[in-house]
Amino acid sequence: MKHSAALSVLLAGALLSGCATNGLASLPLPAPSAGNGGYTLTALFTNALNLPDRAKVKLAGADVGFVESMATRNYVAVITLRIMDGVRLPAGSTAQLRSATPLGDVFVSVAPPSDSRSTDPLLKQGDTIGLDSTAAASTVESVMSSAALMINGGAVRNLTDIVNGLGKATGDQGHAFGNLISDSNRLLAKIDARSTQLDAAITNVSQLSMRLEDKRTALAEMMKAAGPATETVSENTQGIIDLALQVGGASRQLSKFPSIAGTDQGTRSVVADLNDVAGALNDVVVSPDTKLSDLSRLLPILVKLTSGDSLPLNAQIDKIALGSIPDIGF
């Protein structure tokens, strides 16, 4: 009975002592360590967000150290890394903040330069990895923001617009899309039917290119010979323009003469009349029915007209062109 009472008191005391403490939460847990010794390096980062204290330092996936301390200086994160003894990091090595999973802990990943050699100098106690050799990890927020931008306003949105546009263009039954396919098939059929002509055209173009290549020296000499003429034309460009303007002015003055262009609204002009007379004379010459006897009948009329000192004429003049005289309102 005494033993049972003593056991009960002992259990009650143990229970009360357990409730007075934090239990397992108060037990210290092991932290990452580089063991005894090692050397420290300083890495500068523009952003060390989510990097926990005592975070691991990995090289090619293996743990080679841990983050000993973190501080800020001039808006730059200054991270002190303790590296295990025996880990050789050549000068020019890089450090990146990475995470194994999107929601995993961030760690420091160090890597030697891609062109490193065994003779390169090594990083030693107190050396610094500068900002140009470090990179911050992508945060979950930035990844989600980029994904949202891609879906809402990026490639996925553009693809959705394209699919919707194709749906509207094809109609409810897809007739427009079917017509497009039919037209494409007809086009391909025509191209296939004219494949021989296309091949001949390509062959001719190839032969022309070969001939031009063979005549390249002659063409170069021709262009060189045409150089002085081109320079002469370039030097006299203003004179050529002035000549064209003078010719244009002369043409405008000549257009006022009916004998040149005919200012009436019809087809009458001296030139047109001369063309008609010349055509009639040509018909007389080539006609097989032309006889001199018909011309002989005109002789008495000519003799009668020229028998006196004057020439009897009865003419009606509707318009006289006296020359290039400016006319008011013309």
Foldseek 3Di string as FASTA:
>chain_A
DVVVVVVVVVVVVVVVVCVVDPHPVPDDDDADALPPDAAKEKEKELDDPQADAQAFEDEPRHTFWTWHDWDDDPSIIITITGGHPPDWAFPPKAWEWEAPDLPGHTHIYIYHDPPDDPPGHTDGHYYYHYHVRYYYYDHNVNVVVVVVCCCPPRDVVVVVVVVVVQDVQLPPVRVNVVVVVVVVVVVVVVCVVCVVVVVVVVVVVVVVVVVCVVCVVVVVVVVVVCVVVVVVCVVCVVVVVVVVVVVVVVVVQQCVAQQRNRPDPDRDGVVVVVVVVVVVVVCLVPDPPRDCVVVVVCVVVVCVQPVDPDGDDDDDDPDDDPGRDDDVPD
